[in-house]
Amino acid sequence: MPSVTKAIALLRKYRRQHPGEKPANIWRQVYLEAIPNYVGMNPVEQEHARQVLRPRVRWRLRERRRRA
């Protein structure tokens, strides 16, 4: 899924740029850029998109570590 790949890249980028930032604030930035049409969604759709993206990112990162 392209948004998962993009979210992982953005997460790494923002963590490097803002090392002391709270994870919630970093994720907020990631959602805006990684989820297509995020701003145009209603709050329920935004919440659903967040609830889908975050576990997928975690799973992908966990799998990468496991295979390494």
Protein backbone atom coordinates (compact mmCIF):
# COMPACT_ATOMS: atom_id res chain seq x y z
CA MET A 1 0.00 0.00 0.00
CA PRO A 2 1.65 3.26 -1.10
CA SER A 3 0.36 5.30 1.84
CA VAL A 4 2.04 2.90 4.29
CA THR A 5 5.37 3.24 2.50
CA LYS A 6 5.00 7.01 2.42
CA ALA A 7 3.97 7.11 6.09
CA ILE A 8 7.07 5.14 7.13
CA ALA A 9 9.33 7.50 5.21
CA LEU A 10 7.62 10.58 6.67
CA LEU A 11 7.72 9.16 10.18
CA ARG A 12 11.47 8.65 9.95
CA LYS A 13 11.96 12.08 8.41
CA TYR A 14 9.96 13.91 11.09
CA ARG A 15 11.55 11.93 13.93
CA ARG A 16 14.98 12.97 12.68
CA GLN A 17 13.96 16.61 12.18
CA HIS A 18 12.16 16.91 15.53
CA PRO A 19 13.74 14.44 17.98
CA GLY A 20 12.07 15.93 21.09
CA GLU A 21 8.59 16.15 19.59
CA LYS A 22 5.72 14.10 21.02
CA PRO A 23 4.78 11.08 18.86
CA ALA A 24 1.18 12.31 18.57
CA ASN A 25 2.34 15.55 16.95
CA ILE A 26 4.60 13.67 14.54
CA TRP A 27 1.78 11.33 13.56
CA ARG A 28 -0.50 14.32 12.98
CA GLN A 29 1.92 15.58 10.33
CA VAL A 30 2.24 12.10 8.82
CA TYR A 31 -1.54 11.71 8.50
CA LEU A 32 -1.82 14.99 6.60
CA GLU A 33 0.71 13.93 3.98
CA ALA A 34 0.33 10.15 3.80
CA ILE A 35 -3.45 9.79 3.63
CA PRO A 36 -4.85 10.97 0.29
CA ASN A 37 -7.55 13.67 0.65
CA TYR A 38 -7.23 13.60 4.46
CA VAL A 39 -8.24 17.24 4.82
CA GLY A 40 -11.33 16.70 2.68
CA MET A 41 -12.60 13.80 4.80
CA ASN A 42 -15.16 14.20 7.55
CA PRO A 43 -13.96 13.45 11.13
CA VAL A 44 -15.30 9.89 11.11
CA GLU A 45 -13.48 9.07 7.86
CA GLN A 46 -10.30 10.67 9.18
CA GLU A 47 -10.45 8.59 12.34
CA HIS A 48 -10.99 5.42 10.34
CA ALA A 49 -8.06 6.24 8.04
CA ARG A 50 -5.83 6.85 11.08
CA GLN A 51 -6.95 3.60 12.70
CA VAL A 52 -6.09 1.69 9.53
CA LEU A 53 -2.76 3.37 8.73
CA ARG A 54 -1.05 3.25 12.11
CA PRO A 55 -1.32 -0.54 12.69
CA ARG A 56 -0.20 -1.20 9.12
CA VAL A 57 2.88 0.95 9.64
CA ARG A 58 3.65 -0.86 12.92
CA TRP A 59 3.20 -4.26 11.26
CA ARG A 60 5.46 -3.37 8.34
CA LEU A 61 8.22 -2.05 10.65
CA ARG A 62 7.95 -5.12 12.89
CA GLU A 63 8.21 -7.43 9.87
CA ARG A 64 11.30 -5.59 8.61
CA ARG A 65 13.01 -6.01 11.99
CA ARG A 66 12.01 -9.66 12.15
CA ARG A 67 13.42 -10.45 8.71
CA ALA A 68 16.65 -8.54 9.26
